[in-house]
C-alpha cells in the first residue's frame, strides 16, 4: 500500500509581482519555476530543464503555453510539463498553483 505524501504550500509571490509572459524561480529544497502566461494564467513546474541542468524560471523564454530553455532550445508545455521537441525527452514535474487574497502559492 502506498503512503500519502502531504504537500506543503509554498508562498511564491504577490500576483502583481510577475507580469504576463514572465517567469521566476522559487528557491528551496525543490526549486520551482513559476510561469505566468500571456493570458495571465499561472503554472508551476520543476525549475531545471530535463535535458541539461539549466533554470527555466530564471532564464527560460515564454511563448504562449510553452517555455523554451535557452541552452539547447528544448521546449516544454508549462501546463503539463511535457517536452515538445528534442533534445528534451523527459517531462518536467508539475505543481498545483493556488491564488489566495492576491498571493500566489505552489503546492509542493
Protein backbone atom coordinates (compact mmCIF):
# COMPACT_ATOMS: atom_id res chain seq x y z
CA UNK A 1 0.00 0.00 0.00
CA UNK A 2 1.41 3.36 -0.98
CA UNK A 3 1.67 6.09 1.62
CA UNK A 4 0.24 9.51 1.01
CA UNK A 5 2.56 12.45 0.97
CA UNK A 6 1.38 15.70 2.48
CA UNK A 7 2.04 18.63 0.22
CA UNK A 8 3.34 21.89 1.58
CA UNK A 9 2.00 25.22 0.42
CA UNK A 10 4.92 27.46 -0.53
CA UNK A 11 4.48 31.22 -0.97
CA UNK A 12 5.78 32.25 -4.39
CA UNK A 13 4.98 35.95 -4.81
CA UNK A 14 2.21 38.51 -4.96
CA UNK A 15 0.08 38.26 -8.11
CA UNK A 16 1.29 41.71 -9.21
CA UNK A 17 4.98 40.74 -8.78
CA UNK A 18 5.07 38.80 -12.05
CA UNK A 19 3.77 40.19 -15.35
CA UNK A 20 2.07 38.22 -18.10
CA UNK A 21 4.64 36.35 -20.19
CA UNK A 22 7.22 36.23 -17.40
CA UNK A 23 8.66 33.54 -15.15
CA UNK A 24 10.64 33.27 -11.95
CA UNK A 25 12.37 30.69 -9.81
CA UNK A 26 11.13 29.89 -6.33
CA UNK A 27 14.18 28.73 -4.40
CA UNK A 28 14.03 25.90 -1.90
CA UNK A 29 14.83 22.23 -1.44
CA UNK A 30 12.86 21.68 -4.63
CA UNK A 31 13.42 24.70 -6.93
CA UNK A 32 10.23 25.52 -8.82
CA UNK A 33 9.69 27.60 -11.96
CA UNK A 34 6.59 29.76 -11.78
CA UNK A 35 5.19 30.91 -15.12
CA UNK A 36 2.54 33.49 -15.91
CA UNK A 37 1.35 33.04 -19.46
CA UNK A 38 0.40 35.87 -21.81
CA UNK A 39 -3.25 35.34 -20.85
CA UNK A 40 -2.41 35.74 -17.14
CA UNK A 41 -2.66 32.09 -16.05
CA UNK A 42 -0.16 30.74 -13.51
CA UNK A 43 1.61 27.37 -13.85
CA UNK A 44 4.48 25.76 -11.96
CA UNK A 45 6.99 23.10 -12.97
CA UNK A 46 10.32 21.84 -11.74
CA UNK A 47 12.85 24.59 -12.42
CA UNK A 48 15.58 22.53 -14.04
CA UNK A 49 15.46 21.58 -17.73
CA UNK A 50 15.38 17.79 -18.02
CA UNK A 51 17.86 17.83 -20.91
CA UNK A 52 20.61 19.85 -19.23
CA UNK A 53 20.75 21.44 -15.82
CA UNK A 54 19.51 24.95 -16.58
CA UNK A 55 17.00 27.18 -14.79
CA UNK A 56 13.76 27.60 -16.68
CA UNK A 57 12.29 30.08 -14.20
CA UNK A 58 15.23 32.48 -14.35
CA UNK A 59 16.35 32.00 -17.95
CA UNK A 60 13.51 30.37 -19.90
CA UNK A 61 11.54 32.26 -22.54
CA UNK A 62 7.73 32.06 -22.50
CA UNK A 63 5.83 31.75 -25.79
CA UNK A 64 2.14 31.07 -25.34
CA UNK A 65 1.89 28.00 -23.09
CA UNK A 66 5.49 26.95 -23.76
CA UNK A 67 8.79 27.61 -22.05
CA UNK A 68 11.97 27.46 -24.12
CA UNK A 69 15.26 26.55 -22.49
CA UNK A 70 17.87 28.91 -23.98
CA UNK A 71 20.69 26.39 -23.58
CA UNK A 72 19.66 23.99 -26.38
CA UNK A 73 16.18 25.28 -27.32
CA UNK A 74 14.21 22.47 -25.69
CA UNK A 75 10.52 23.35 -25.36
CA UNK A 76 8.05 22.28 -22.68
CA UNK A 77 4.32 22.80 -22.19
CA UNK A 78 4.06 24.72 -18.89
CA UNK A 79 0.56 23.31 -18.29
CA UNK A 80 1.58 19.64 -18.42
CA UNK A 81 5.40 19.65 -18.25
CA UNK A 82 5.55 17.58 -21.45
CA UNK A 83 8.58 18.04 -23.72
CA UNK A 84 7.57 19.40 -27.12
CA UNK A 85 10.78 18.92 -29.10
CA UNK A 86 14.26 17.47 -28.99
CA UNK A 87 16.65 17.50 -27.31
CA UNK A 88 14.26 17.16 -24.32
CA UNK A 89 12.53 13.80 -23.97
CA UNK A 90 11.65 13.73 -20.25
CA UNK A 91 8.72 15.72 -18.83
CA UNK A 92 9.04 18.32 -16.11
CA UNK A 93 7.26 17.73 -12.82
CA UNK A 94 4.23 20.00 -12.44
CA UNK A 95 2.78 21.55 -9.30
CA UNK A 96 -0.61 22.96 -8.40
CA UNK A 97 -0.77 26.75 -8.16
CA UNK A 98 -3.23 28.49 -5.84
CA UNK A 99 -4.16 32.17 -5.78
CA UNK A 100 -5.35 33.39 -2.40
CA UNK A 101 -6.00 37.02 -1.47
CA UNK A 102 -3.57 38.38 -4.07
CA UNK A 103 -0.84 35.87 -3.18
CA UNK A 104 0.48 33.05 -5.36
CA UNK A 105 1.24 29.70 -3.70
CA UNK A 106 2.65 26.47 -5.11
CA UNK A 107 1.80 23.08 -3.61
CA UNK A 108 4.98 21.01 -3.41
